Amino acid sequence: MPDHRQPAPRPTPSLRQARLIGRLRATLFELQCDADPDPVAIDRLMRRLARVRGHGSRSFLRA
């Protein structure tokens, strides 16, 4: 029987990191709902959000 392992969990974000992620997601939502969305700004914000989520709680400010 194969050994099914769960993927390693991401570290829990700090409160500051969680707040930053929330602000970035809200801004992204506003950009996407705009009458004339800017694809470059949306792409830049999505990349920043991915960077912030990928970093540990101590290194997220560099993102």
PDB file of N, CA and C in Angstrom:
ATOM      1  N   MET A   1       0.840  -1.176   0.000  1.00  0.00           N
ATOM      2  CA  MET A   1       0.000   0.000   0.000  1.00  0.00           C
ATOM      3  C   MET A   1       0.892   1.249   0.000  1.00  0.00           C
ATOM      4  N   PRO A   2       0.679   2.181  -0.925  1.00  0.00           N
ATOM      5  CA  PRO A   2       1.551   3.355  -0.989  1.00  0.00           C
ATOM      6  C   PRO A   2       1.344   4.276   0.210  1.00  0.00           C
ATOM      7  N   ASP A   3       2.413   4.942   0.556  1.00  0.00           N
ATOM      8  CA  ASP A   3       2.381   5.867   1.683  1.00  0.00           C
ATOM      9  C   ASP A   3       1.963   7.245   1.165  1.00  0.00           C
ATOM     10  N   HIS A   4       0.746   7.671   1.487  1.00  0.00           N
ATOM     11  CA  HIS A   4       0.259   8.971   1.028  1.00  0.00           C
ATOM     12  C   HIS A   4       0.563  10.003   2.096  1.00  0.00           C
ATOM     13  N   ARG A   5       1.408  10.927   1.732  1.00  0.00           N
ATOM     14  CA  ARG A   5       1.780  11.983   2.678  1.00  0.00           C
ATOM     15  C   ARG A   5       1.093  13.283   2.296  1.00  0.00           C
ATOM     16  N   GLN A   6       0.723  14.020   3.302  1.00  0.00           N
ATOM     17  CA  GLN A   6       0.133  15.330   3.078  1.00  0.00           C
ATOM     18  C   GLN A   6       1.251  16.311   2.727  1.00  0.00           C
ATOM     19  N   PRO A   7       0.968  17.299   1.893  1.00  0.00           N
ATOM     20  CA  PRO A   7       1.997  18.300   1.606  1.00  0.00           C
ATOM     21  C   PRO A   7       2.330  19.086   2.871  1.00  0.00           C
ATOM     22  N   ALA A   8       3.554  19.569   2.921  1.00  0.00           N
ATOM     23  CA  ALA A   8       3.981  20.332   4.091  1.00  0.00           C
ATOM     24  C   ALA A   8       3.136  21.597   4.198  1.00  0.00           C
ATOM     25  N   PRO A   9       2.619  21.890   5.380  1.00  0.00           N
ATOM     26  CA  PRO A   9       1.794  23.088   5.525  1.00  0.00           C
ATOM     27  C   PRO A   9       2.641  24.348   5.446  1.00  0.00           C
ATOM     28  N   ARG A  10       2.032  25.406   4.950  1.00  0.00           N
ATOM     29  CA  ARG A  10       2.727  26.689   4.933  1.00  0.00           C
ATOM     30  C   ARG A  10       2.791  27.216   6.358  1.00  0.00           C
ATOM     31  N   PRO A  11       3.832  27.962   6.666  1.00  0.00           N
ATOM     32  CA  PRO A  11       3.881  28.547   8.005  1.00  0.00           C
ATOM     33  C   PRO A  11       2.738  29.547   8.181  1.00  0.00           C
ATOM     34  N   THR A  12       2.214  29.606   9.375  1.00  0.00           N
ATOM     35  CA  THR A  12       1.123  30.530   9.665  1.00  0.00           C
ATOM     36  C   THR A  12       1.647  31.959   9.573  1.00  0.00           C
ATOM     37  N   PRO A  13       0.967  32.819   8.819  1.00  0.00           N
ATOM     38  CA  PRO A  13       1.471  34.188   8.682  1.00  0.00           C
ATOM     39  C   PRO A  13       1.320  34.958   9.984  1.00  0.00           C
ATOM     40  N   SER A  14       2.229  35.894  10.185  1.00  0.00           N
ATOM     41  CA  SER A  14       2.112  36.760  11.353  1.00  0.00           C
ATOM     42  C   SER A  14       0.904  37.675  11.154  1.00  0.00           C
ATOM     43  N   LEU A  15       0.517  38.352  12.194  1.00  0.00           N
ATOM     44  CA  LEU A  15      -0.631  39.249  12.107  1.00  0.00           C
ATOM     45  C   LEU A  15      -0.365  40.364  11.095  1.00  0.00           C
ATOM     46  N   ARG A  16       0.841  40.911  11.104  1.00  0.00           N
ATOM     47  CA  ARG A  16       1.181  41.973  10.151  1.00  0.00           C
ATOM     48  C   ARG A  16       1.127  41.452   8.723  1.00  0.00           C
ATOM     49  N   GLN A  17       1.637  40.247   8.517  1.00  0.00           N
ATOM     50  CA  GLN A  17       1.622  39.662   7.182  1.00  0.00           C
ATOM     51  C   GLN A  17       0.179  39.389   6.742  1.00  0.00           C
ATOM     52  N   ALA A  18      -0.636  38.897   7.651  1.00  0.00           N
ATOM     53  CA  ALA A  18      -2.033  38.620   7.321  1.00  0.00           C
ATOM     54  C   ALA A  18      -2.771  39.906   6.950  1.00  0.00           C
ATOM     55  N   ARG A  19      -2.490  40.988   7.657  1.00  0.00           N
ATOM     56  CA  ARG A  19      -3.118  42.271   7.334  1.00  0.00           C
ATOM     57  C   ARG A  19      -2.672  42.772   5.968  1.00  0.00           C
ATOM     58  N   LEU A  20      -1.375  42.623   5.666  1.00  0.00           N
ATOM     59  CA  LEU A  20      -0.861  43.040   4.362  1.00  0.00           C
ATOM     60  C   LEU A  20      -1.513  42.232   3.247  1.00  0.00           C
ATOM     61  N   ILE A  21      -1.633  40.932   3.447  1.00  0.00           N
ATOM     62  CA  ILE A  21      -2.275  40.076   2.448  1.00  0.00           C
ATOM     63  C   ILE A  21      -3.726  40.512   2.247  1.00  0.00           C
ATOM     64  N   GLY A  22      -4.415  40.827   3.326  1.00  0.00           N
ATOM     65  CA  GLY A  22      -5.798  41.293   3.220  1.00  0.00           C
ATOM     66  C   GLY A  22      -5.914  42.587   2.431  1.00  0.00           C
ATOM     67  N   ARG A  23      -4.996  43.533   2.687  1.00  0.00           N
ATOM     68  CA  ARG A  23      -5.020  44.799   1.946  1.00  0.00           C
ATOM     69  C   ARG A  23      -4.718  44.575   0.468  1.00  0.00           C
ATOM     70  N   LEU A  24      -3.738  43.707   0.179  1.00  0.00           N
ATOM     71  CA  LEU A  24      -3.398  43.429  -1.217  1.00  0.00           C
ATOM     72  C   LEU A  24      -4.566  42.773  -1.949  1.00  0.00           C
ATOM     73  N   ARG A  25      -5.242  41.841  -1.283  1.00  0.00           N
ATOM     74  CA  ARG A  25      -6.387  41.168  -1.913  1.00  0.00           C
ATOM     75  C   ARG A  25      -7.531  42.150  -2.165  1.00  0.00           C
ATOM     76  N   ALA A  26      -7.763  43.066  -1.220  1.00  0.00           N
ATOM     77  CA  ALA A  26      -8.819  44.060  -1.406  1.00  0.00           C
ATOM     78  C   ALA A  26      -8.488  44.987  -2.576  1.00  0.00           C
ATOM     79  N   THR A  27      -7.234  45.411  -2.667  1.00  0.00           N
ATOM     80  CA  THR A  27      -6.816  46.270  -3.772  1.00  0.00           C
ATOM     81  C   THR A  27      -6.931  45.540  -5.102  1.00  0.00           C
ATOM     82  N   LEU A  28      -6.539  44.268  -5.111  1.00  0.00           N
ATOM     83  CA  LEU A  28      -6.642  43.466  -6.328  1.00  0.00           C
ATOM     84  C   LEU A  28      -8.101  43.353  -6.772  1.00  0.00           C
ATOM     85  N   PHE A  29      -8.994  43.130  -5.823  1.00  0.00           N
ATOM     86  CA  PHE A  29     -10.421  43.033  -6.143  1.00  0.00           C
ATOM     87  C   PHE A  29     -10.928  44.336  -6.754  1.00  0.00           C
ATOM     88  N   GLU A  30     -10.514  45.476  -6.170  1.00  0.00           N
ATOM     89  CA  GLU A  30     -10.936  46.775  -6.700  1.00  0.00           C
ATOM     90  C   GLU A  30     -10.412  46.985  -8.115  1.00  0.00           C
ATOM     91  N   LEU A  31      -9.161  46.601  -8.361  1.00  0.00           N
ATOM     92  CA  LEU A  31      -8.590  46.749  -9.700  1.00  0.00           C
ATOM     93  C   LEU A  31      -9.331  45.890 -10.719  1.00  0.00           C
ATOM     94  N   GLN A  32      -9.683  44.672 -10.324  1.00  0.00           N
ATOM     95  CA  GLN A  32     -10.359  43.766 -11.248  1.00  0.00           C
ATOM     96  C   GLN A  32     -11.788  44.215 -11.543  1.00  0.00           C
ATOM     97  N   CYS A  33     -12.421  44.904 -10.610  1.00  0.00           N
ATOM     98  CA  CYS A  33     -13.808  45.347 -10.795  1.00  0.00           C
ATOM     99  C   CYS A  33     -13.904  46.715 -11.460  1.00  0.00           C
ATOM    100  N   ASP A  34     -12.776  47.351 -11.697  1.00  0.00           N
ATOM    101  CA  ASP A  34     -12.765  48.669 -12.313  1.00  0.00           C
ATOM    102  C   ASP A  34     -13.364  48.598 -13.716  1.00  0.00           C
ATOM    103  N   ALA A  35     -13.955  49.715 -14.163  1.00  0.00           N
ATOM    104  CA  ALA A  35     -14.560  49.752 -15.496  1.00  0.00           C
ATOM    105  C   ALA A  35     -13.510  49.543 -16.589  1.00  0.00           C
ATOM    106  N   ASP A  36     -12.304  50.060 -16.374  1.00  0.00           N
ATOM    107  CA  ASP A  36     -11.212  49.900 -17.343  1.00  0.00           C
ATOM    108  C   ASP A  36     -10.005  49.316 -16.604  1.00  0.00           C
ATOM    109  N   PRO A  37      -9.987  47.993 -16.359  1.00  0.00           N
ATOM    110  CA  PRO A  37      -8.911  47.400 -15.561  1.00  0.00           C
ATOM    111  C   PRO A  37      -7.551  47.501 -16.254  1.00  0.00           C
ATOM    112  N   ASP A  38      -6.532  47.764 -15.467  1.00  0.00           N
ATOM    113  CA  ASP A  38      -5.158  47.871 -15.964  1.00  0.00           C
ATOM    114  C   ASP A  38      -4.476  46.515 -15.792  1.00  0.00           C
ATOM    115  N   PRO A  39      -4.249  45.774 -16.881  1.00  0.00           N
ATOM    116  CA  PRO A  39      -3.674  44.432 -16.745  1.00  0.00           C
ATOM    117  C   PRO A  39      -2.267  44.434 -16.160  1.00  0.00           C
ATOM    118  N   VAL A  40      -1.502  45.485 -16.416  1.00  0.00           N
ATOM    119  CA  VAL A  40      -0.140  45.549 -15.878  1.00  0.00           C
ATOM    120  C   VAL A  40      -0.185  45.710 -14.360  1.00  0.00           C
ATOM    121  N   ALA A  41      -1.056  46.579 -13.875  1.00  0.00           N
ATOM    122  CA  ALA A  41      -1.178  46.785 -12.430  1.00  0.00           C
ATOM    123  C   ALA A  41      -1.699  45.527 -11.747  1.00  0.00           C
ATOM    124  N   ILE A  42      -2.649  44.845 -12.375  1.00  0.00           N
ATOM    125  CA  ILE A  42      -3.188  43.611 -11.801  1.00  0.00           C
ATOM    126  C   ILE A  42      -2.104  42.547 -11.725  1.00  0.00           C
ATOM    127  N   ASP A  43      -1.320  42.404 -12.799  1.00  0.00           N
ATOM    128  CA  ASP A  43      -0.240  41.420 -12.816  1.00  0.00           C
ATOM    129  C   ASP A  43       0.802  41.727 -11.745  1.00  0.00           C
ATOM    130  N   ARG A  44       1.171  43.000 -11.626  1.00  0.00           N
ATOM    131  CA  ARG A  44       2.165  43.406 -10.627  1.00  0.00           C
ATOM    132  C   ARG A  44       1.669  43.096  -9.215  1.00  0.00           C
ATOM    133  N   LEU A  45       0.396  43.393  -8.955  1.00  0.00           N
ATOM    134  CA  LEU A  45      -0.174  43.151  -7.633  1.00  0.00           C
ATOM    135  C   LEU A  45      -0.281  41.655  -7.333  1.00  0.00           C
ATOM    136  N   MET A  46      -0.633  40.860  -8.342  1.00  0.00           N
ATOM    137  CA  MET A  46      -0.715  39.409  -8.138  1.00  0.00           C
ATOM    138  C   MET A  46       0.663  38.821  -7.839  1.00  0.00           C
ATOM    139  N   ARG A  47       1.684  39.328  -8.518  1.00  0.00           N
ATOM    140  CA  ARG A  47       3.053  38.856  -8.248  1.00  0.00           C
ATOM    141  C   ARG A  47       3.483  39.225  -6.837  1.00  0.00           C
ATOM    142  N   ARG A  48       3.157  40.450  -6.417  1.00  0.00           N
ATOM    143  CA  ARG A  48       3.528  40.868  -5.062  1.00  0.00           C
ATOM    144  C   ARG A  48       2.807  40.023  -4.020  1.00  0.00           C
ATOM    145  N   LEU A  49       1.534  39.746  -4.253  1.00  0.00           N
ATOM    146  CA  LEU A  49       0.759  38.918  -3.333  1.00  0.00           C
ATOM    147  C   LEU A  49       1.361  37.519  -3.233  1.00  0.00           C
ATOM    148  N   ALA A  50       1.771  36.951  -4.354  1.00  0.00           N
ATOM    149  CA  ALA A  50       2.394  35.623  -4.344  1.00  0.00           C
ATOM    150  C   ALA A  50       3.714  35.649  -3.585  1.00  0.00           C
ATOM    151  N   ARG A  51       4.491  36.727  -3.761  1.00  0.00           N
ATOM    152  CA  ARG A  51       5.765  36.848  -3.045  1.00  0.00           C
ATOM    153  C   ARG A  51       5.541  36.943  -1.546  1.00  0.00           C
ATOM    154  N   VAL A  52       4.566  37.763  -1.150  1.00  0.00           N
ATOM    155  CA  VAL A  52       4.283  37.949   0.278  1.00  0.00           C
ATOM    156  C   VAL A  52       3.822  36.636   0.898  1.00  0.00           C
ATOM    157  N   ARG A  53       2.955  35.900   0.199  1.00  0.00           N
ATOM    158  CA  ARG A  53       2.460  34.628   0.733  1.00  0.00           C
ATOM    159  C   ARG A  53       3.561  33.579   0.812  1.00  0.00           C
ATOM    160  N   GLY A  54       4.533  33.642  -0.097  1.00  0.00           N
ATOM    161  CA  GLY A  54       5.583  32.636  -0.141  1.00  0.00           C
ATOM    162  C   GLY A  54       6.672  32.836   0.890  1.00  0.00           C
ATOM    163  N   HIS A  55       6.820  34.049   1.375  1.00  0.00           N
ATOM    164  CA  HIS A  55       7.879  34.331   2.343  1.00  0.00           C
ATOM    165  C   HIS A  55       7.455  33.947   3.753  1.00  0.00           C
ATOM    166  N   GLY A  56       8.435  33.708   4.586  1.00  0.00           N
ATOM    167  CA  GLY A  56       8.164  33.474   5.998  1.00  0.00           C
ATOM    168  C   GLY A  56       7.731  34.767   6.655  1.00  0.00           C
ATOM    169  N   SER A  57       7.237  34.681   7.860  1.00  0.00           N
ATOM    170  CA  SER A  57       6.694  35.862   8.522  1.00  0.00           C
ATOM    171  C   SER A  57       7.756  36.923   8.784  1.00  0.00           C
ATOM    172  N   ARG A  58       9.024  36.537   8.872  1.00  0.00           N
ATOM    173  CA  ARG A  58      10.067  37.524   9.146  1.00  0.00           C
ATOM    174  C   ARG A  58      10.560  38.224   7.887  1.00  0.00           C
ATOM    175  N   SER A  59      10.397  37.609   6.730  1.00  0.00           N
ATOM    176  CA  SER A  59      10.987  38.171   5.522  1.00  0.00           C
ATOM    177  C   SER A  59       9.961  38.768   4.566  1.00  0.00           C
ATOM    178  N   PHE A  60       8.705  38.904   4.990  1.00  0.00           N
ATOM    179  CA  PHE A  60       7.688  39.348   4.042  1.00  0.00           C
ATOM    180  C   PHE A  60       7.822  40.820   3.692  1.00  0.00           C
ATOM    181  N   LEU A  61       8.487  41.618   4.505  1.00  0.00           N
ATOM    182  CA  LEU A  61       8.602  43.040   4.217  1.00  0.00           C
ATOM    183  C   LEU A  61       9.467  43.314   2.996  1.00  0.00           C
ATOM    184  N   ARG A  62      10.339  42.373   2.635  1.00  0.00           N
ATOM    185  CA  ARG A  62      11.189  42.563   1.464  1.00  0.00           C
ATOM    186  C   ARG A  62      10.413  42.403   0.171  1.00  0.00           C
ATOM    187  N   ALA A  63       9.241  41.816   0.236  1.00  0.00           N
ATOM    188  CA  ALA A  63       8.471  41.524  -0.987  1.00  0.00           C
ATOM    189  C   ALA A  63       7.975  42.791  -1.650  1.00  0.00           C
TER     190      ALA A  63
END
